[in-house]
Amino acid sequence: MKLTRELKKEEKDVVKEEKWLLQEVQTLEQFQADIQEILQLE
């Protein structure tokens, strides 16, 4: 039973991290042109 609770917690953590990573990807895609311009300046 304790193992089941730990697995459910880990599942929630993975889902939470997945949502965070997807949001990060969307943010980077929005600023992709700006990022490329900055990298070209270096």
C-alpha atoms as a PDB file:
ATOM      1  CA  MET A   1       0.000   0.000   0.000  1.00  0.00           C
ATOM      2  CA  LYS A   2       2.839   2.400   0.801  1.00  0.00           C
ATOM      3  CA  LEU A   3       4.415   1.527  -2.550  1.00  0.00           C
ATOM      4  CA  THR A   4       1.158   2.406  -4.321  1.00  0.00           C
ATOM      5  CA  ARG A   5       1.102   5.843  -2.677  1.00  0.00           C
ATOM      6  CA  GLU A   6       4.722   6.455  -3.636  1.00  0.00           C
ATOM      7  CA  LEU A   7       4.030   5.440  -7.229  1.00  0.00           C
ATOM      8  CA  LYS A   8       1.016   7.757  -7.422  1.00  0.00           C
ATOM      9  CA  LYS A   9       3.117  10.618  -6.044  1.00  0.00           C
ATOM     10  CA  GLU A  10       5.823   9.914  -8.615  1.00  0.00           C
ATOM     11  CA  GLU A  11       3.201   9.809 -11.378  1.00  0.00           C
ATOM     12  CA  LYS A  12       1.905  13.220 -10.284  1.00  0.00           C
ATOM     13  CA  ASP A  13       5.466  14.570 -10.193  1.00  0.00           C
ATOM     14  CA  VAL A  14       6.137  13.286 -13.714  1.00  0.00           C
ATOM     15  CA  VAL A  15       2.924  14.803 -15.050  1.00  0.00           C
ATOM     16  CA  LYS A  16       3.737  18.102 -13.350  1.00  0.00           C
ATOM     17  CA  GLU A  17       7.245  18.120 -14.845  1.00  0.00           C
ATOM     18  CA  GLU A  18       5.879  17.211 -18.279  1.00  0.00           C
ATOM     19  CA  LYS A  19       3.494  20.182 -18.189  1.00  0.00           C
ATOM     20  CA  TRP A  20       6.336  22.465 -17.077  1.00  0.00           C
ATOM     21  CA  LEU A  21       8.602  21.248 -19.882  1.00  0.00           C
ATOM     22  CA  LEU A  22       5.888  21.710 -22.500  1.00  0.00           C
ATOM     23  CA  GLN A  23       5.386  25.265 -21.276  1.00  0.00           C
ATOM     24  CA  GLU A  24       9.149  25.865 -21.510  1.00  0.00           C
ATOM     25  CA  VAL A  25       9.189  24.584 -25.098  1.00  0.00           C
ATOM     26  CA  GLN A  26       6.311  26.887 -26.026  1.00  0.00           C
ATOM     27  CA  THR A  27       8.105  29.859 -24.477  1.00  0.00           C
ATOM     28  CA  LEU A  28      11.307  29.073 -26.357  1.00  0.00           C
ATOM     29  CA  GLU A  29       9.390  28.688 -29.621  1.00  0.00           C
ATOM     30  CA  GLN A  30       7.797  32.097 -29.095  1.00  0.00           C
ATOM     31  CA  PHE A  31      11.212  33.714 -28.687  1.00  0.00           C
ATOM     32  CA  GLN A  32      13.056  31.576 -31.243  1.00  0.00           C
ATOM     33  CA  ALA A  33      13.673  34.456 -33.670  1.00  0.00           C
ATOM     34  CA  ASP A  34      14.976  36.692 -30.879  1.00  0.00           C
ATOM     35  CA  ILE A  35      17.226  33.932 -29.569  1.00  0.00           C
ATOM     36  CA  GLN A  36      18.673  33.304 -33.032  1.00  0.00           C
ATOM     37  CA  GLU A  37      19.372  37.020 -33.487  1.00  0.00           C
ATOM     38  CA  ILE A  38      21.135  37.209 -30.116  1.00  0.00           C
ATOM     39  CA  LEU A  39      23.247  34.164 -30.940  1.00  0.00           C
ATOM     40  CA  GLN A  40      24.281  35.711 -34.248  1.00  0.00           C
ATOM     41  CA  LEU A  41      25.476  38.849 -32.442  1.00  0.00           C
ATOM     42  CA  GLU A  42      28.023  36.907 -30.411  1.00  0.00           C
END
